[in-house]
Amino acid sequence: MSILQANEITIRIIDKTIIHGLSLSVPEGKVTSIIGPNGCGKSTTLKALARIWPCYKGNVTFNGEDIKKFSHREFAQKLAILTQAPQSPADLTVKDLVEMGRFPHRNWFGRKSMEDDAHVCLLYTSPSPRDRTRSRMLSTLSGGERQRAWIAMALAQRPQVLLLDEPTTYLDICHQLEVMQLLEKLNRELQLTVVMVIHDINHAVQYSDHIAVIKEGYLVTEGKPQEIVTAQLLKDVFKVEADEFICSNGMPALLPVDLVK
């Protein structure tokens, strides 16, 4: 069952059409990855799902309801988005950042509840129960720690859907895996629907239940990663030759070896 649905959406920015009549289904309680070449419209599609970019044609629905019908507060309680390289004041602590995520649920008398919820989200995203990151300034954190803090803030909104735009950008291999495993944990234990734009094809295959492939603003295909992400897809969409392998966990992997001549 789809919780979020793009219905033949066309997105125009100034006078340029970026997305052309694209339809996309996001299955509830699953991890969906959006992949494709640079500049193909992945991030624009994600922002359309989040109501950041308006649809020139078509519409986006949440549980069958047009997202334009929700108030900003209502929509923020249903969906959270973490964009690329988010910015914040340098003197903000992790705890303060995460509490900001409670804004859609805040009331005049709910300070204690807000702090408790933010505390739970920090614990959930901390690598260790003894983690002391919450009292530190964001400016002192490593890339992986900072990304966990932003995910905790988004999680504090208590959304049903979490959207992320390239959540592993600028992270080393270890921290990339930490973030991917955290998202897998949030999906599995909280039944959180996750939608992410991601460049690493193998991460998309390893950690996704559903993949959508976009090229030049059009949806090429969508479905289970093991069925649609093949060497032929990389050749057709990314213009690279790739070898296919089976990993020790039984999942497929692809290694680009050459450009298509």
Protein backbone atom coordinates (compact mmCIF):
# COMPACT_ATOMS: atom_id res chain seq x y z
CA MET A 1 0.00 0.00 0.00
CA SER A 2 1.34 3.46 -0.94
CA ILE A 3 1.49 6.12 1.77
CA LEU A 4 2.90 8.79 -0.55
CA GLN A 5 2.05 9.00 -4.24
CA ALA A 6 3.17 11.29 -7.06
CA ASN A 7 0.53 11.35 -9.78
CA GLU A 8 1.84 12.39 -13.19
CA ILE A 9 3.64 15.38 -11.71
CA THR A 10 5.39 17.98 -13.85
CA ILE A 11 7.78 20.36 -12.09
CA ARG A 12 8.94 23.60 -13.68
CA ILE A 13 11.63 25.86 -12.24
CA ILE A 14 11.54 29.31 -13.83
CA ASP A 15 10.97 28.39 -17.50
CA LYS A 16 12.60 24.97 -17.45
CA THR A 17 10.72 21.69 -17.03
CA ILE A 18 12.68 19.46 -14.64
CA ILE A 19 10.19 16.62 -14.09
CA HIS A 20 7.96 15.36 -16.91
CA GLY A 21 4.67 13.66 -15.95
CA LEU A 22 6.29 11.44 -13.34
CA SER A 23 4.27 8.96 -11.28
CA LEU A 24 5.86 7.34 -8.24
CA SER A 25 4.54 5.17 -5.42
CA VAL A 26 6.13 5.08 -1.94
CA PRO A 27 5.13 1.87 -0.11
CA GLU A 28 4.17 2.34 3.54
CA GLY A 29 6.62 1.08 6.15
CA LYS A 30 9.37 0.43 3.61
CA VAL A 31 12.67 2.01 2.58
CA THR A 32 12.53 3.57 -0.88
CA SER A 33 15.61 4.86 -2.70
CA ILE A 34 15.56 7.23 -5.66
CA ILE A 35 18.58 6.81 -7.94
CA GLY A 36 19.71 8.28 -11.25
CA PRO A 37 22.45 10.37 -12.89
CA ASN A 38 23.41 13.83 -11.67
CA GLY A 39 20.89 16.47 -12.69
CA CYS A 40 18.15 13.99 -13.57
CA GLY A 41 15.60 15.43 -11.11
CA LYS A 42 16.01 13.19 -8.05
CA SER A 43 16.21 16.00 -5.49
CA THR A 44 13.47 17.96 -7.26
CA THR A 45 11.19 14.91 -7.03
CA LEU A 46 11.97 14.55 -3.32
CA LYS A 47 11.16 18.22 -2.73
CA ALA A 48 7.90 17.86 -4.63
CA LEU A 49 6.95 14.97 -2.32
CA ALA A 50 7.79 17.25 0.63
CA ARG A 51 5.69 20.14 -0.75
CA ILE A 52 8.76 22.35 -1.16
CA TRP A 53 8.38 22.55 -4.94
CA PRO A 54 4.80 22.99 -6.22
CA CYS A 55 3.54 20.82 -9.03
CA TYR A 56 2.97 22.59 -12.34
CA LYS A 57 0.78 19.63 -13.33
CA GLY A 58 -0.40 16.56 -11.44
CA ASN A 59 -0.43 16.21 -7.67
CA VAL A 60 1.07 14.42 -4.69
CA THR A 61 -1.12 12.56 -2.19
CA PHE A 62 -0.55 11.38 1.37
CA ASN A 63 -2.77 8.43 2.24
CA GLY A 64 -4.93 9.42 -0.73
CA GLU A 65 -5.30 13.08 0.33
CA ASP A 66 -3.81 15.89 -1.75
CA ILE A 67 -0.89 17.28 0.29
CA LYS A 68 -1.98 20.84 -0.51
CA LYS A 69 -5.00 20.34 1.76
CA PHE A 70 -2.89 19.95 4.92
CA SER A 71 -1.86 22.93 7.03
CA HIS A 72 1.89 23.43 7.49
CA ARG A 73 1.61 22.14 11.05
CA GLU A 74 -0.39 19.06 10.05
CA PHE A 75 1.98 18.20 7.23
CA ALA A 76 5.06 18.62 9.45
CA GLN A 77 3.53 16.08 11.84
CA LYS A 78 3.24 13.57 8.99
CA LEU A 79 6.43 14.12 7.01
CA ALA A 80 9.96 15.33 7.76
CA ILE A 81 12.68 16.12 5.24
CA LEU A 82 16.44 16.33 5.71
CA THR A 83 18.00 18.19 2.79
CA GLN A 84 21.62 18.16 1.64
CA ALA A 85 24.11 19.89 3.95
CA PRO A 86 21.54 21.56 6.28
CA GLN A 87 22.74 24.71 8.03
CA SER A 88 22.35 25.85 11.63
CA PRO A 89 23.87 28.47 13.99
CA ALA A 90 27.39 27.42 15.04
CA ASP A 91 26.62 27.90 18.75
CA LEU A 92 23.65 25.52 18.77
CA THR A 93 23.96 22.35 20.85
CA VAL A 94 22.75 18.99 19.63
CA LYS A 95 20.05 18.95 22.31
CA ASP A 96 18.78 22.37 21.19
CA LEU A 97 18.73 21.27 17.56
CA VAL A 98 16.73 18.14 18.29
CA GLU A 99 14.22 20.05 20.42
CA MET A 100 13.56 22.26 17.39
CA GLY A 101 12.13 19.16 15.73
CA ARG A 102 9.30 19.17 18.28
CA PHE A 103 7.99 22.51 16.98
CA PRO A 104 5.00 21.01 15.05
CA HIS A 105 3.80 19.39 18.31
CA ARG A 106 4.61 22.23 20.69
CA ASN A 107 2.00 23.83 22.92
CA TRP A 108 2.27 26.45 25.62
CA PHE A 109 2.33 23.87 28.43
CA GLY A 110 4.27 21.09 26.72
CA ARG A 111 7.87 22.02 27.48
CA LYS A 112 8.63 18.93 29.59
CA SER A 113 7.01 16.59 27.10
CA MET A 114 8.94 18.23 24.28
CA GLU A 115 12.25 17.75 26.11
CA ASP A 116 11.41 14.14 26.94
CA ASP A 117 10.57 13.34 23.32
CA ALA A 118 13.75 15.00 22.09
CA HIS A 119 15.74 13.02 24.66
CA VAL A 120 14.26 9.74 23.39
CA CYS A 121 15.14 10.65 19.80
CA LEU A 122 18.72 11.40 20.82
CA LEU A 123 19.02 8.07 22.57
CA TYR A 124 17.60 6.29 19.54
CA THR A 125 20.17 7.81 17.18
CA SER A 126 23.17 7.61 19.52
CA PRO A 127 25.69 4.86 18.80
CA SER A 128 26.11 4.22 22.54
CA PRO A 129 23.93 4.70 25.67
CA ARG A 130 26.90 6.59 27.17
CA ASP A 131 27.06 9.00 24.26
CA ARG A 132 27.60 12.61 25.41
CA THR A 133 27.08 14.24 22.04
CA ARG A 134 23.84 15.97 23.07
CA SER A 135 25.61 18.67 25.10
CA ARG A 136 28.17 19.49 22.39
CA MET A 137 28.04 22.32 19.86
CA LEU A 138 27.18 21.24 16.33
CA SER A 139 30.35 22.93 15.09
CA THR A 140 32.50 20.48 17.10
CA LEU A 141 30.95 17.30 15.67
CA SER A 142 32.33 15.00 13.03
CA GLY A 143 30.36 14.56 9.81
CA GLY A 144 28.80 11.31 11.01
CA GLU A 145 27.85 12.73 14.40
CA ARG A 146 26.35 15.81 12.79
CA GLN A 147 24.25 13.71 10.41
CA ARG A 148 22.94 11.64 13.33
CA ALA A 149 21.97 14.86 15.11
CA TRP A 150 19.99 16.10 12.11
CA ILE A 151 18.27 12.73 11.76
CA ALA A 152 17.37 12.91 15.47
CA MET A 153 15.85 16.36 14.88
CA ALA A 154 13.77 15.05 11.96
CA LEU A 155 12.76 12.04 14.04
CA ALA A 156 11.63 14.38 16.84
CA GLN A 157 8.82 15.55 14.54
CA ARG A 158 7.37 12.05 14.99
CA PRO A 159 6.74 11.80 11.23
CA GLN A 160 5.23 8.86 9.45
CA VAL A 161 7.55 9.48 6.50
CA LEU A 162 11.19 10.59 6.61
CA LEU A 163 12.70 12.02 3.40
CA LEU A 164 16.47 12.37 3.05
CA ASP A 165 18.49 13.94 0.25
CA GLU A 166 21.85 12.16 -0.07
CA PRO A 167 22.24 11.38 3.66
CA THR A 168 25.76 9.93 3.26
CA THR A 169 27.32 12.79 1.26
CA TYR A 170 30.81 13.80 2.50
CA LEU A 171 30.98 10.84 4.92
CA ASP A 172 33.70 8.18 4.92
CA ILE A 173 32.84 4.50 4.43
CA CYS A 174 32.43 3.75 8.15
CA HIS A 175 30.09 6.69 8.79
CA GLN A 176 28.16 5.95 5.61
CA LEU A 177 27.42 2.47 6.93
CA GLU A 178 26.50 3.87 10.36
CA VAL A 179 23.92 6.17 8.79
CA MET A 180 22.52 3.47 6.52
CA GLN A 181 22.22 1.01 9.41
CA LEU A 182 20.55 3.69 11.54
CA LEU A 183 17.94 4.31 8.84
CA GLU A 184 17.39 0.55 8.55
CA LYS A 185 16.90 0.39 12.34
CA LEU A 186 14.41 3.28 12.35
CA ASN A 187 12.45 1.64 9.55
CA ARG A 188 12.41 -1.77 11.20
CA GLU A 189 11.76 -0.82 14.83
CA LEU A 190 9.54 2.24 14.36
CA GLN A 191 7.87 1.15 11.10
CA LEU A 192 9.05 4.49 9.73
CA THR A 193 8.63 4.95 5.99
CA VAL A 194 11.96 6.18 4.60
CA VAL A 195 12.53 7.79 1.21
CA MET A 196 16.05 8.79 0.23
CA VAL A 197 17.91 10.14 -2.76
CA ILE A 198 21.22 8.29 -2.88
CA HIS A 199 24.17 8.07 -5.25
CA ASP A 200 25.70 4.82 -4.04
CA ILE A 201 23.93 2.13 -6.07
CA ASN A 202 25.10 -0.68 -3.81
CA HIS A 203 23.81 1.07 -0.69
CA ALA A 204 20.48 1.49 -2.45
CA VAL A 205 20.36 -2.22 -3.27
CA GLN A 206 21.54 -3.38 0.16
CA TYR A 207 19.26 -1.21 2.29
CA SER A 208 16.13 -0.59 0.20
CA ASP A 209 12.88 -2.48 -0.22
CA HIS A 210 11.87 -0.37 -3.21
CA ILE A 211 13.87 1.59 -5.79
CA ALA A 212 12.79 4.23 -8.28
CA VAL A 213 15.09 5.09 -11.19
CA ILE A 214 14.91 8.55 -12.79
CA LYS A 215 16.62 9.73 -15.97
CA GLU A 216 16.28 13.19 -17.53
CA GLY A 217 13.16 13.94 -15.46
CA TYR A 218 11.32 10.75 -16.38
CA LEU A 219 10.70 7.65 -14.30
CA VAL A 220 12.56 4.76 -15.97
CA THR A 221 11.37 1.99 -13.66
CA GLU A 222 10.54 1.18 -10.05
CA GLY A 223 10.39 -2.04 -8.07
CA LYS A 224 12.40 -4.42 -5.89
CA PRO A 225 16.14 -3.68 -6.07
CA GLN A 226 17.16 -7.28 -6.77
CA GLU A 227 14.88 -7.33 -9.78
CA ILE A 228 15.57 -3.99 -11.44
CA VAL A 229 19.12 -2.91 -10.52
CA THR A 230 21.28 -4.81 -12.99
CA ALA A 231 24.39 -4.25 -15.09
CA GLN A 232 22.09 -3.53 -18.01
CA LEU A 233 20.31 -0.79 -16.03
CA LEU A 234 23.65 0.87 -15.24
CA LYS A 235 24.56 0.68 -18.91
CA ASP A 236 21.25 2.19 -20.06
CA VAL A 237 20.86 4.87 -17.38
CA PHE A 238 24.37 5.72 -16.15
CA LYS A 239 26.32 4.84 -19.32
CA VAL A 240 28.77 2.57 -17.49
CA GLU A 241 29.74 -1.07 -17.86
CA ALA A 242 29.52 -3.00 -14.59
CA ASP A 243 30.30 -6.45 -13.25
CA GLU A 244 27.74 -8.16 -11.03
CA PHE A 245 28.58 -10.06 -7.84
CA ILE A 246 26.78 -11.81 -5.02
CA CYS A 247 27.88 -10.58 -1.58
CA SER A 248 28.46 -12.76 1.48
CA ASN A 249 24.98 -11.76 2.71
CA GLY A 250 23.42 -13.06 -0.49
CA MET A 251 22.62 -9.61 -1.88
CA PRO A 252 23.75 -8.52 -5.35
CA ALA A 253 26.39 -5.83 -5.88
CA LEU A 254 27.62 -4.00 -8.95
CA LEU A 255 31.14 -2.76 -9.69
CA PRO A 256 31.46 -0.18 -12.50
CA VAL A 257 34.52 -1.08 -14.60
CA ASP A 258 34.33 1.10 -17.72
CA LEU A 259 32.39 3.76 -19.58
CA VAL A 260 30.04 2.70 -22.35
CA LYS A 261 31.94 3.14 -25.61
